Amino acid sequence: AFSHGCIRLGQPMDLAEYLLKPDTNWTADSIRTVMARKKEKYVDLPEPRPVIIGYFTAWVDTQRRLNFRDDVYEHDARLAQELFALPEEEEEAVASVK
Protein backbone atom coordinates (compact mmCIF):
# COMPACT_ATOMS: atom_id res chain seq x y z
CA ALA A 1 0.00 0.00 0.00
CA PHE A 2 1.10 3.54 -0.63
CA SER A 3 0.55 6.22 2.00
CA HIS A 4 0.75 10.00 1.93
CA GLY A 5 0.12 11.63 5.27
CA CYS A 6 -3.29 10.58 6.52
CA ILE A 7 -4.45 9.02 3.25
CA ARG A 8 -3.60 5.37 2.67
CA LEU A 9 -4.20 3.79 -0.71
CA GLY A 10 -4.70 0.04 -0.52
CA GLN A 11 -4.55 -0.82 -4.24
CA PRO A 12 -2.34 1.79 -5.91
CA MET A 13 -1.69 -0.33 -9.00
CA ASP A 14 -5.40 -0.75 -9.73
CA LEU A 15 -6.01 2.98 -9.33
CA ALA A 16 -3.03 3.89 -11.54
CA GLU A 17 -4.19 1.53 -14.29
CA TYR A 18 -7.71 2.93 -14.12
CA LEU A 19 -6.58 6.57 -14.24
CA LEU A 20 -4.00 6.05 -16.97
CA LYS A 21 -6.05 3.62 -19.09
CA PRO A 22 -6.90 6.13 -21.86
CA ASP A 23 -3.16 6.78 -22.41
CA THR A 24 -1.70 3.93 -24.48
CA ASN A 25 1.84 4.92 -23.41
CA TRP A 26 1.09 3.55 -19.93
CA THR A 27 1.01 -0.24 -19.68
CA ALA A 28 0.77 -2.31 -16.51
CA ASP A 29 4.51 -3.02 -16.82
CA SER A 30 5.47 0.63 -17.23
CA ILE A 31 3.31 1.60 -14.24
CA ARG A 32 4.92 -1.13 -12.10
CA THR A 33 8.39 0.04 -13.15
CA VAL A 34 7.68 3.63 -12.14
CA MET A 35 6.04 2.58 -8.87
CA ALA A 36 9.06 0.44 -7.94
CA ARG A 37 11.33 3.50 -8.03
CA LYS A 38 11.91 5.45 -4.85
CA LYS A 39 11.57 8.82 -6.61
CA GLU A 40 8.15 10.43 -7.11
CA LYS A 41 6.84 10.83 -10.64
CA TYR A 42 4.21 13.40 -11.54
CA VAL A 43 1.87 12.44 -14.37
CA ASP A 44 -0.68 14.63 -16.14
CA LEU A 45 -3.97 12.77 -16.39
CA PRO A 46 -5.77 12.74 -19.75
CA GLU A 47 -8.84 14.27 -18.10
CA PRO A 48 -9.67 15.68 -14.64
CA ARG A 49 -11.03 13.15 -12.14
CA PRO A 50 -12.96 14.00 -8.98
CA VAL A 51 -11.50 12.74 -5.72
CA ILE A 52 -13.88 11.88 -2.91
CA ILE A 53 -12.35 11.21 0.48
CA GLY A 54 -14.51 9.42 3.02
CA TYR A 55 -13.75 9.73 6.74
CA PHE A 56 -15.48 7.07 8.80
CA THR A 57 -15.29 6.42 12.52
CA ALA A 58 -17.99 3.73 12.44
CA TRP A 59 -18.77 1.10 9.80
CA VAL A 60 -19.94 -2.47 9.29
CA ASP A 61 -17.26 -4.84 7.96
CA THR A 62 -17.65 -7.79 5.60
CA GLN A 63 -18.37 -10.10 8.57
CA ARG A 64 -21.27 -7.79 9.51
CA ARG A 65 -19.52 -6.57 12.66
CA LEU A 66 -19.94 -2.98 13.77
CA ASN A 67 -16.56 -1.21 14.07
CA PHE A 68 -15.72 2.05 15.85
CA ARG A 69 -12.51 4.09 15.78
CA ASP A 70 -11.43 7.24 17.57
CA ASP A 71 -12.38 10.49 15.85
CA VAL A 72 -8.79 11.73 15.60
CA TYR A 73 -9.74 14.67 13.36
CA GLU A 74 -12.75 15.60 15.53
CA HIS A 75 -15.24 15.71 12.65
CA ASP A 76 -18.01 13.64 14.28
CA ALA A 77 -19.35 16.38 16.59
CA ARG A 78 -19.80 18.85 13.73
CA LEU A 79 -21.33 16.19 11.49
CA ALA A 80 -23.77 15.12 14.21
CA GLN A 81 -24.75 18.75 14.80
CA GLU A 82 -25.46 19.22 11.09
CA LEU A 83 -27.25 15.88 10.67
CA PHE A 84 -29.48 16.17 13.71
CA ALA A 85 -30.10 19.93 13.79
CA LEU A 86 -33.71 21.03 13.66
CA PRO A 87 -34.76 23.29 10.80
CA GLU A 88 -34.97 26.95 11.94
CA GLU A 89 -38.79 26.94 12.00
CA GLU A 90 -38.84 23.94 14.35
CA GLU A 91 -36.14 25.47 16.58
CA GLU A 92 -38.27 28.62 16.95
CA ALA A 93 -41.36 26.54 17.74
CA VAL A 94 -39.49 24.53 20.38
CA ALA A 95 -38.02 27.72 21.90
CA SER A 96 -41.45 29.37 22.13
CA VAL A 97 -42.92 26.35 23.96
CA LYS A 98 -40.23 26.45 26.65
PDB file of N, CA and C in Angstrom:
ATOM      1  N   ALA A   1       0.847  -1.189   0.000  1.00  0.00           N
ATOM      2  CA  ALA A   1       0.000   0.000   0.000  1.00  0.00           C
ATOM      3  C   ALA A   1       0.881   1.237   0.000  1.00  0.00           C
ATOM      4  N   PHE A   2       0.398   2.269  -0.635  1.00  0.00           N
ATOM      5  CA  PHE A   2       1.097   3.545  -0.631  1.00  0.00           C
ATOM      6  C   PHE A   2       0.378   4.453   0.357  1.00  0.00           C
ATOM      7  N   SER A   3       1.144   5.322   1.028  1.00  0.00           N
ATOM      8  CA  SER A   3       0.554   6.220   2.005  1.00  0.00           C
ATOM      9  C   SER A   3       1.140   7.610   1.837  1.00  0.00           C
ATOM     10  N   HIS A   4       0.297   8.612   1.972  1.00  0.00           N
ATOM     11  CA  HIS A   4       0.753   9.997   1.927  1.00  0.00           C
ATOM     12  C   HIS A   4       0.037  10.730   3.049  1.00  0.00           C
ATOM     13  N   GLY A   5       0.756  10.958   4.141  1.00  0.00           N
ATOM     14  CA  GLY A   5       0.118  11.628   5.268  1.00  0.00           C
ATOM     15  C   GLY A   5      -0.983  10.764   5.831  1.00  0.00           C
ATOM     16  N   CYS A   6      -2.180  11.311   5.903  1.00  0.00           N
ATOM     17  CA  CYS A   6      -3.286  10.582   6.522  1.00  0.00           C
ATOM     18  C   CYS A   6      -4.110   9.793   5.508  1.00  0.00           C
ATOM     19  N   ILE A   7      -3.696   9.765   4.270  1.00  0.00           N
ATOM     20  CA  ILE A   7      -4.446   9.022   3.255  1.00  0.00           C
ATOM     21  C   ILE A   7      -3.649   7.793   2.847  1.00  0.00           C
ATOM     22  N   ARG A   8      -4.255   6.627   3.031  1.00  0.00           N
ATOM     23  CA  ARG A   8      -3.598   5.370   2.675  1.00  0.00           C
ATOM     24  C   ARG A   8      -4.356   4.757   1.504  1.00  0.00           C
ATOM     25  N   LEU A   9      -3.612   4.367   0.498  1.00  0.00           N
ATOM     26  CA  LEU A   9      -4.198   3.788  -0.707  1.00  0.00           C
ATOM     27  C   LEU A   9      -3.873   2.306  -0.735  1.00  0.00           C
ATOM     28  N   GLY A  10      -4.894   1.472  -0.624  1.00  0.00           N
ATOM     29  CA  GLY A  10      -4.699   0.037  -0.520  1.00  0.00           C
ATOM     30  C   GLY A  10      -4.341  -0.664  -1.817  1.00  0.00           C
ATOM     31  N   GLN A  11      -4.807  -0.174  -2.943  1.00  0.00           N
ATOM     32  CA  GLN A  11      -4.555  -0.824  -4.235  1.00  0.00           C
ATOM     33  C   GLN A  11      -4.061   0.217  -5.245  1.00  0.00           C
ATOM     34  N   PRO A  12      -2.844   0.723  -5.038  1.00  0.00           N
ATOM     35  CA  PRO A  12      -2.342   1.795  -5.906  1.00  0.00           C
ATOM     36  C   PRO A  12      -2.206   1.383  -7.368  1.00  0.00           C
ATOM     37  N   MET A  13      -1.852   0.138  -7.620  1.00  0.00           N
ATOM     38  CA  MET A  13      -1.689  -0.325  -9.002  1.00  0.00           C
ATOM     39  C   MET A  13      -3.024  -0.281  -9.746  1.00  0.00           C
ATOM     40  N   ASP A  14      -4.074  -0.763  -9.105  1.00  0.00           N
ATOM     41  CA  ASP A  14      -5.403  -0.747  -9.726  1.00  0.00           C
ATOM     42  C   ASP A  14      -5.845   0.677 -10.045  1.00  0.00           C
ATOM     43  N   LEU A  15      -5.619   1.588  -9.105  1.00  0.00           N
ATOM     44  CA  LEU A  15      -6.006   2.979  -9.331  1.00  0.00           C
ATOM     45  C   LEU A  15      -5.190   3.590 -10.469  1.00  0.00           C
ATOM     46  N   ALA A  16      -3.890   3.349 -10.478  1.00  0.00           N
ATOM     47  CA  ALA A  16      -3.034   3.892 -11.543  1.00  0.00           C
ATOM     48  C   ALA A  16      -3.472   3.373 -12.911  1.00  0.00           C
ATOM     49  N   GLU A  17      -3.738   2.087 -13.003  1.00  0.00           N
ATOM     50  CA  GLU A  17      -4.187   1.525 -14.287  1.00  0.00           C
ATOM     51  C   GLU A  17      -5.508   2.152 -14.730  1.00  0.00           C
ATOM     52  N   TYR A  18      -6.413   2.336 -13.796  1.00  0.00           N
ATOM     53  CA  TYR A  18      -7.710   2.933 -14.117  1.00  0.00           C
ATOM     54  C   TYR A  18      -7.547   4.373 -14.610  1.00  0.00           C
ATOM     55  N   LEU A  19      -6.749   5.162 -13.883  1.00  0.00           N
ATOM     56  CA  LEU A  19      -6.585   6.570 -14.242  1.00  0.00           C
ATOM     57  C   LEU A  19      -5.811   6.767 -15.537  1.00  0.00           C
ATOM     58  N   LEU A  20      -4.854   5.881 -15.798  1.00  0.00           N
ATOM     59  CA  LEU A  20      -3.996   6.046 -16.971  1.00  0.00           C
ATOM     60  C   LEU A  20      -4.467   5.241 -18.183  1.00  0.00           C
ATOM     61  N   LYS A  21      -5.548   4.507 -18.030  1.00  0.00           N
ATOM     62  CA  LYS A  21      -6.046   3.624 -19.092  1.00  0.00           C
ATOM     63  C   LYS A  21      -6.197   4.305 -20.462  1.00  0.00           C
ATOM     64  N   PRO A  22      -6.739   5.524 -20.526  1.00  0.00           N
ATOM     65  CA  PRO A  22      -6.899   6.127 -21.856  1.00  0.00           C
ATOM     66  C   PRO A  22      -5.572   6.413 -22.571  1.00  0.00           C
ATOM     67  N   ASP A  23      -4.465   6.468 -21.819  1.00  0.00           N
ATOM     68  CA  ASP A  23      -3.157   6.783 -22.406  1.00  0.00           C
ATOM     69  C   ASP A  23      -2.448   5.479 -22.761  1.00  0.00           C
ATOM     70  N   THR A  24      -2.299   5.203 -24.047  1.00  0.00           N
ATOM     71  CA  THR A  24      -1.699   3.934 -24.479  1.00  0.00           C
ATOM     72  C   THR A  24      -0.202   3.849 -24.183  1.00  0.00           C
ATOM     73  N   ASN A  25       0.424   4.960 -23.783  1.00  0.00           N
ATOM     74  CA  ASN A  25       1.843   4.925 -23.406  1.00  0.00           C
ATOM     75  C   ASN A  25       2.055   4.254 -22.050  1.00  0.00           C
ATOM     76  N   TRP A  26       0.991   4.160 -21.251  1.00  0.00           N
ATOM     77  CA  TRP A  26       1.095   3.551 -19.928  1.00  0.00           C
ATOM     78  C   TRP A  26       0.540   2.126 -19.961  1.00  0.00           C
ATOM     79  N   THR A  27       1.422   1.162 -19.786  1.00  0.00           N
ATOM     80  CA  THR A  27       1.010  -0.242 -19.679  1.00  0.00           C
ATOM     81  C   THR A  27       1.144  -0.649 -18.218  1.00  0.00           C
ATOM     82  N   ALA A  28       0.625  -1.805 -17.880  1.00  0.00           N
ATOM     83  CA  ALA A  28       0.773  -2.307 -16.512  1.00  0.00           C
ATOM     84  C   ALA A  28       2.251  -2.420 -16.150  1.00  0.00           C
ATOM     85  N   ASP A  29       3.072  -2.885 -17.084  1.00  0.00           N
ATOM     86  CA  ASP A  29       4.510  -3.020 -16.818  1.00  0.00           C
ATOM     87  C   ASP A  29       5.174  -1.666 -16.587  1.00  0.00           C
ATOM     88  N   SER A  30       4.836  -0.676 -17.407  1.00  0.00           N
ATOM     89  CA  SER A  30       5.468   0.634 -17.228  1.00  0.00           C
ATOM     90  C   SER A  30       5.028   1.288 -15.917  1.00  0.00           C
ATOM     91  N   ILE A  31       3.792   1.071 -15.525  1.00  0.00           N
ATOM     92  CA  ILE A  31       3.309   1.601 -14.243  1.00  0.00           C
ATOM     93  C   ILE A  31       4.054   0.929 -13.096  1.00  0.00           C
ATOM     94  N   ARG A  32       4.189  -0.399 -13.145  1.00  0.00           N
ATOM     95  CA  ARG A  32       4.917  -1.133 -12.097  1.00  0.00           C
ATOM     96  C   ARG A  32       6.365  -0.651 -11.988  1.00  0.00           C
ATOM     97  N   THR A  33       7.001  -0.424 -13.135  1.00  0.00           N
ATOM     98  CA  THR A  33       8.391   0.035 -13.147  1.00  0.00           C
ATOM     99  C   THR A  33       8.521   1.380 -12.439  1.00  0.00           C
ATOM    100  N   VAL A  34       7.636   2.299 -12.765  1.00  0.00           N
ATOM    101  CA  VAL A  34       7.682   3.626 -12.141  1.00  0.00           C
ATOM    102  C   VAL A  34       7.368   3.532 -10.649  1.00  0.00           C
ATOM    103  N   MET A  35       6.404   2.705 -10.277  1.00  0.00           N
ATOM    104  CA  MET A  35       6.038   2.577  -8.869  1.00  0.00           C
ATOM    105  C   MET A  35       7.140   1.925  -8.045  1.00  0.00           C
ATOM    106  N   ALA A  36       7.971   1.116  -8.663  1.00  0.00           N
ATOM    107  CA  ALA A  36       9.058   0.444  -7.943  1.00  0.00           C
ATOM    108  C   ALA A  36      10.197   1.404  -7.602  1.00  0.00           C
ATOM    109  N   ARG A  37      10.284   2.510  -8.305  1.00  0.00           N
ATOM    110  CA  ARG A  37      11.327   3.499  -8.027  1.00  0.00           C
ATOM    111  C   ARG A  37      11.027   4.223  -6.721  1.00  0.00           C
ATOM    112  N   LYS A  38      12.077   4.716  -6.101  1.00  0.00           N
ATOM    113  CA  LYS A  38      11.907   5.454  -4.847  1.00  0.00           C
ATOM    114  C   LYS A  38      11.562   6.922  -5.088  1.00  0.00           C
ATOM    115  N   LYS A  39      11.811   7.414  -6.293  1.00  0.00           N
ATOM    116  CA  LYS A  39      11.571   8.815  -6.612  1.00  0.00           C
ATOM    117  C   LYS A  39      10.136   9.016  -7.110  1.00  0.00           C
ATOM    118  N   GLU A  40       9.510  10.120  -6.666  1.00  0.00           N
ATOM    119  CA  GLU A  40       8.154  10.430  -7.114  1.00  0.00           C
ATOM    120  C   GLU A  40       8.141  10.781  -8.594  1.00  0.00           C
ATOM    121  N   LYS A  41       7.024  10.478  -9.227  1.00  0.00           N
ATOM    122  CA  LYS A  41       6.841  10.833 -10.643  1.00  0.00           C
ATOM    123  C   LYS A  41       5.477  11.493 -10.772  1.00  0.00           C
ATOM    124  N   TYR A  42       5.468  12.681 -11.307  1.00  0.00           N
ATOM    125  CA  TYR A  42       4.215  13.396 -11.536  1.00  0.00           C
ATOM    126  C   TYR A  42       3.736  13.111 -12.953  1.00  0.00           C
ATOM    127  N   VAL A  43       2.449  12.809 -13.076  1.00  0.00           N
ATOM    128  CA  VAL A  43       1.868  12.440 -14.365  1.00  0.00           C
ATOM    129  C   VAL A  43       0.621  13.288 -14.597  1.00  0.00           C
ATOM    130  N   ASP A  44       0.542  13.900 -15.767  1.00  0.00           N
ATOM    131  CA  ASP A  44      -0.676  14.626 -16.138  1.00  0.00           C
ATOM    132  C   ASP A  44      -1.716  13.615 -16.605  1.00  0.00           C
ATOM    133  N   LEU A  45      -2.890  13.670 -16.000  1.00  0.00           N
ATOM    134  CA  LEU A  45      -3.968  12.766 -16.393  1.00  0.00           C
ATOM    135  C   LEU A  45      -4.626  13.269 -17.673  1.00  0.00           C
ATOM    136  N   PRO A  46      -5.129  12.348 -18.495  1.00  0.00           N
ATOM    137  CA  PRO A  46      -5.774  12.739 -19.752  1.00  0.00           C
ATOM    138  C   PRO A  46      -7.002  13.629 -19.537  1.00  0.00           C
ATOM    139  N   GLU A  47      -7.673  13.455 -18.412  1.00  0.00           N
ATOM    140  CA  GLU A  47      -8.844  14.275 -18.096  1.00  0.00           C
ATOM    141  C   GLU A  47      -8.956  14.404 -16.583  1.00  0.00           C
ATOM    142  N   PRO A  48      -9.531  15.503 -16.094  1.00  0.00           N
ATOM    143  CA  PRO A  48      -9.671  15.676 -14.642  1.00  0.00           C
ATOM    144  C   PRO A  48     -10.567  14.587 -14.047  1.00  0.00           C
ATOM    145  N   ARG A  49     -10.228  14.157 -12.853  1.00  0.00           N
ATOM    146  CA  ARG A  49     -11.034  13.154 -12.140  1.00  0.00           C
ATOM    147  C   ARG A  49     -11.371  13.684 -10.752  1.00  0.00           C
ATOM    148  N   PRO A  50     -12.621  13.566 -10.338  1.00  0.00           N
ATOM    149  CA  PRO A  50     -12.959  14.001  -8.978  1.00  0.00           C
ATOM    150  C   PRO A  50     -12.365  13.032  -7.956  1.00  0.00           C
ATOM    151  N   VAL A  51     -12.006  13.559  -6.816  1.00  0.00           N
ATOM    152  CA  VAL A  51     -11.498  12.739  -5.716  1.00  0.00           C
ATOM    153  C   VAL A  51     -12.445  12.927  -4.541  1.00  0.00           C
ATOM    154  N   ILE A  52     -12.979  11.834  -4.058  1.00  0.00           N
ATOM    155  CA  ILE A  52     -13.882  11.877  -2.913  1.00  0.00           C
ATOM    156  C   ILE A  52     -13.205  11.126  -1.776  1.00  0.00           C
ATOM    157  N   ILE A  53     -13.015  11.821  -0.672  1.00  0.00           N
ATOM    158  CA  ILE A  53     -12.350  11.213   0.477  1.00  0.00           C
ATOM    159  C   ILE A  53     -13.393  10.994   1.564  1.00  0.00           C
ATOM    160  N   GLY A  54     -13.574   9.751   1.958  1.00  0.00           N
ATOM    161  CA  GLY A  54     -14.510   9.422   3.024  1.00  0.00           C
ATOM    162  C   GLY A  54     -13.776   9.269   4.345  1.00  0.00           C
ATOM    163  N   TYR A  55     -14.334   9.828   5.400  1.00  0.00           N
ATOM    164  CA  TYR A  55     -13.747   9.730   6.737  1.00  0.00           C
ATOM    165  C   TYR A  55     -14.784   9.058   7.623  1.00  0.00           C
ATOM    166  N   PHE A  56     -14.506   7.840   8.035  1.00  0.00           N
ATOM    167  CA  PHE A  56     -15.483   7.068   8.797  1.00  0.00           C
ATOM    168  C   PHE A  56     -14.909   6.663  10.147  1.00  0.00           C
ATOM    169  N   THR A  57     -15.689   6.877  11.189  1.00  0.00           N
ATOM    170  CA  THR A  57     -15.294   6.419  12.517  1.00  0.00           C
ATOM    171  C   THR A  57     -16.161   5.243  12.965  1.00  0.00           C
ATOM    172  N   ALA A  58     -17.149   4.894  12.161  1.00  0.00           N
ATOM    173  CA  ALA A  58     -17.993   3.730  12.441  1.00  0.00           C
ATOM    174  C   ALA A  58     -18.409   3.119  11.106  1.00  0.00           C
ATOM    175  N   TRP A  59     -18.377   1.802  11.029  1.00  0.00           N
ATOM    176  CA  TRP A  59     -18.769   1.104   9.801  1.00  0.00           C
ATOM    177  C   TRP A  59     -19.034  -0.357  10.115  1.00  0.00           C
ATOM    178  N   VAL A  60     -19.693  -1.032   9.188  1.00  0.00           N
ATOM    179  CA  VAL A  60     -19.937  -2.469   9.292  1.00  0.00           C
ATOM    180  C   VAL A  60     -18.987  -3.159   8.321  1.00  0.00           C
ATOM    181  N   ASP A  61     -18.238  -4.150   8.813  1.00  0.00           N
ATOM    182  CA  ASP A  61     -17.263  -4.837   7.958  1.00  0.00           C
ATOM    183  C   ASP A  61     -17.919  -5.994   7.198  1.00  0.00           C
ATOM    184  N   THR A  62     -17.114  -6.716   6.439  1.00  0.00           N
ATOM    185  CA  THR A  62     -17.652  -7.795   5.602  1.00  0.00           C
ATOM    186  C   THR A  62     -18.199  -8.966   6.417  1.00  0.00           C
ATOM    187  N   GLN A  63     -17.810  -9.060   7.692  1.00  0.00           N
ATOM    188  CA  GLN A  63     -18.366 -10.100   8.569  1.00  0.00           C
ATOM    189  C   GLN A  63     -19.593  -9.590   9.333  1.00  0.00           C
ATOM    190  N   ARG A  64     -20.078  -8.421   8.919  1.00  0.00           N
ATOM    191  CA  ARG A  64     -21.267  -7.794   9.505  1.00  0.00           C
ATOM    192  C   ARG A  64     -21.067  -7.386  10.956  1.00  0.00           C
ATOM    193  N   ARG A  65     -19.811  -7.064  11.314  1.00  0.00           N
ATOM    194  CA  ARG A  65     -19.516  -6.572  12.663  1.00  0.00           C
ATOM    195  C   ARG A  65     -19.447  -5.048  12.630  1.00  0.00           C
ATOM    196  N   LEU A  66     -19.989  -4.428  13.654  1.00  0.00           N
ATOM    197  CA  LEU A  66     -19.940  -2.980  13.768  1.00  0.00           C
ATOM    198  C   LEU A  66     -18.588  -2.573  14.347  1.00  0.00           C
ATOM    199  N   ASN A  67     -17.886  -1.680  13.660  1.00  0.00           N
ATOM    200  CA  ASN A  67     -16.562  -1.213  14.073  1.00  0.00           C
ATOM    201  C   ASN A  67     -16.626   0.262  14.439  1.00  0.00           C
ATOM    202  N   PHE A  68     -15.853   0.650  15.456  1.00  0.00           N
ATOM    203  CA  PHE A  68     -15.718   2.046  15.855  1.00  0.00           C
ATOM    204  C   PHE A  68     -14.246   2.383  15.974  1.00  0.00           C
ATOM    205  N   ARG A  69     -13.876   3.593  15.595  1.00  0.00           N
ATOM    206  CA  ARG A  69     -12.514   4.091  15.776  1.00  0.00           C
ATOM    207  C   ARG A  69     -12.588   5.483  16.375  1.00  0.00           C
ATOM    208  N   ASP A  70     -11.490   5.899  17.003  1.00  0.00           N
ATOM    209  CA  ASP A  70     -11.430   7.243  17.567  1.00  0.00           C
ATOM    210  C   ASP A  70     -11.577   8.280  16.460  1.00  0.00           C
ATOM    211  N   ASP A  71     -12.207   9.378  16.791  1.00  0.00           N
ATOM    212  CA  ASP A  71     -12.384  10.486  15.847  1.00  0.00           C
ATOM    213  C   ASP A  71     -11.175  11.417  15.971  1.00  0.00           C
ATOM    214  N   VAL A  72     -10.046  10.990  15.413  1.00  0.00           N
ATOM    215  CA  VAL A  72      -8.789  11.730  15.600  1.00  0.00           C
ATOM    216  C   VAL A  72      -8.820  13.122  14.973  1.00  0.00           C
ATOM    217  N   TYR A  73      -9.648  13.348  13.991  1.00  0.00           N
ATOM    218  CA  TYR A  73      -9.736  14.671  13.360  1.00  0.00           C
ATOM    219  C   TYR A  73     -10.906  15.495  13.893  1.00  0.00           C
ATOM    220  N   GLU A  74     -11.647  14.922  14.839  1.00  0.00           N
ATOM    221  CA  GLU A  74     -12.752  15.602  15.525  1.00  0.00           C
ATOM    222  C   GLU A  74     -13.805  16.152  14.552  1.00  0.00           C
ATOM    223  N   HIS A  75     -14.204  15.316  13.601  1.00  0.00           N
ATOM    224  CA  HIS A  75     -15.245  15.706  12.646  1.00  0.00           C
ATOM    225  C   HIS A  75     -16.637  15.239  13.079  1.00  0.00           C
ATOM    226  N   ASP A  76     -16.711  14.234  13.939  1.00  0.00           N
ATOM    227  CA  ASP A  76     -18.010  13.640  14.278  1.00  0.00           C
ATOM    228  C   ASP A  76     -18.966  14.620  14.952  1.00  0.00           C
ATOM    229  N   ALA A  77     -18.465  15.453  15.866  1.00  0.00           N
ATOM    230  CA  ALA A  77     -19.350  16.378  16.585  1.00  0.00           C
ATOM    231  C   ALA A  77     -20.017  17.349  15.618  1.00  0.00           C
ATOM    232  N   ARG A  78     -19.237  17.906  14.696  1.00  0.00           N
ATOM    233  CA  ARG A  78     -19.805  18.855  13.732  1.00  0.00           C
ATOM    234  C   ARG A  78     -20.795  18.145  12.802  1.00  0.00           C
ATOM    235  N   LEU A  79     -20.442  16.948  12.367  1.00  0.00           N
ATOM    236  CA  LEU A  79     -21.327  16.189  11.489  1.00  0.00           C
ATOM    237  C   LEU A  79     -22.644  15.873  12.193  1.00  0.00           C
ATOM    238  N   ALA A  80     -22.561  15.433  13.449  1.00  0.00           N
ATOM    239  CA  ALA A  80     -23.772  15.124  14.213  1.00  0.00           C
ATOM    240  C   ALA A  80     -24.636  16.369  14.381  1.00  0.00           C
ATOM    241  N   GLN A  81     -24.000  17.496  14.641  1.00  0.00           N
ATOM    242  CA  GLN A  81     -24.747  18.749  14.797  1.00  0.00           C
ATOM    243  C   GLN A  81     -25.490  19.093  13.503  1.00  0.00           C
ATOM    244  N   GLU A  82     -24.830  18.911  12.374  1.00  0.00           N
ATOM    245  CA  GLU A  82     -25.464  19.218  11.091  1.00  0.00           C
ATOM    246  C   GLU A  82     -26.540  18.191  10.725  1.00  0.00           C
ATOM    247  N   LEU A  83     -26.281  16.925  11.016  1.00  0.00           N
ATOM    248  CA  LEU A  83     -27.252  15.879  10.669  1.00  0.00           C
ATOM    249  C   LEU A  83     -28.517  15.947  11.511  1.00  0.00           C
ATOM    250  N   PHE A  84     -28.352  16.256  12.795  1.00  0.00           N
ATOM    251  CA  PHE A  84     -29.482  16.174  13.711  1.00  0.00           C
ATOM    252  C   PHE A  84     -30.044  17.530  14.116  1.00  0.00           C
ATOM    253  N   ALA A  85     -29.591  18.595  13.474  1.00  0.00           N
ATOM    254  CA  ALA A  85     -30.102  19.927  13.794  1.00  0.00           C
ATOM    255  C   ALA A  85     -31.539  20.059  13.295  1.00  0.00           C
ATOM    256  N   LEU A  86     -32.331  20.751  14.072  1.00  0.00           N
ATOM    257  CA  LEU A  86     -33.708  21.030  13.660  1.00  0.00           C
ATOM    258  C   LEU A  86     -33.708  22.162  12.639  1.00  0.00           C
ATOM    259  N   PRO A  87     -34.618  22.127  11.681  1.00  0.00           N
ATOM    260  CA  PRO A  87     -34.757  23.285  10.795  1.00  0.00           C
ATOM    261  C   PRO A  87     -35.104  24.517  11.634  1.00  0.00           C
ATOM    262  N   GLU A  88     -34.767  25.717  11.163  1.00  0.00           N
ATOM    263  CA  GLU A  88     -34.969  26.945  11.937  1.00  0.00           C
ATOM    264  C   GLU A  88     -36.399  27.098  12.433  1.00  0.00           C
ATOM    265  N   GLU A  89     -37.387  26.780  11.585  1.00  0.00           N
ATOM    266  CA  GLU A  89     -38.786  26.936  11.997  1.00  0.00           C
ATOM    267  C   GLU A  89     -39.095  26.069  13.220  1.00  0.00           C
ATOM    268  N   GLU A  90     -38.584  24.838  13.228  1.00  0.00           N
ATOM    269  CA  GLU A  90     -38.837  23.939  14.352  1.00  0.00           C
ATOM    270  C   GLU A  90     -38.097  24.406  15.593  1.00  0.00           C
ATOM    271  N   GLU A  91     -36.884  24.947  15.433  1.00  0.00           N
ATOM    272  CA  GLU A  91     -36.139  25.472  16.580  1.00  0.00           C
ATOM    273  C   GLU A  91     -36.928  26.597  17.233  1.00  0.00           C
ATOM    274  N   GLU A  92     -37.490  27.507  16.412  1.00  0.00           N
ATOM    275  CA  GLU A  92     -38.266  28.623  16.947  1.00  0.00           C
ATOM    276  C   GLU A  92     -39.508  28.115  17.667  1.00  0.00           C
ATOM    277  N   ALA A  93     -40.166  27.096  17.113  1.00  0.00           N
ATOM    278  CA  ALA A  93     -41.363  26.539  17.743  1.00  0.00           C
ATOM    279  C   ALA A  93     -41.021  25.896  19.075  1.00  0.00           C
ATOM    280  N   VAL A  94     -39.920  25.170  19.138  1.00  0.00           N
ATOM    281  CA  VAL A  94     -39.493  24.529  20.383  1.00  0.00           C
ATOM    282  C   VAL A  94     -39.129  25.597  21.404  1.00  0.00           C
ATOM    283  N   ALA A  95     -38.432  26.646  20.988  1.00  0.00           N
ATOM    284  CA  ALA A  95     -38.023  27.718  21.899  1.00  0.00           C
ATOM    285  C   ALA A  95     -39.239  28.446  22.463  1.00  0.00           C
ATOM    286  N   SER A  96     -40.281  28.639  21.653  1.00  0.00           N
ATOM    287  CA  SER A  96     -41.454  29.374  22.129  1.00  0.00           C
ATOM    288  C   SER A  96     -42.285  28.540  23.101  1.00  0.00           C
ATOM    289  N   VAL A  97     -42.187  27.222  23.052  1.00  0.00           N
ATOM    290  CA  VAL A  97     -42.924  26.346  23.961  1.00  0.00           C
ATOM    291  C   VAL A  97     -42.271  26.339  25.338  1.00  0.00           C
ATOM    292  N   LYS A  98     -40.965  26.492  25.372  1.00  0.00           N
ATOM    293  CA  LYS A  98     -40.232  26.454  26.650  1.00  0.00           C
ATOM    294  C   LYS A  98     -40.611  27.621  27.447  1.00  0.00           C
TER     295      LYS A  98
END
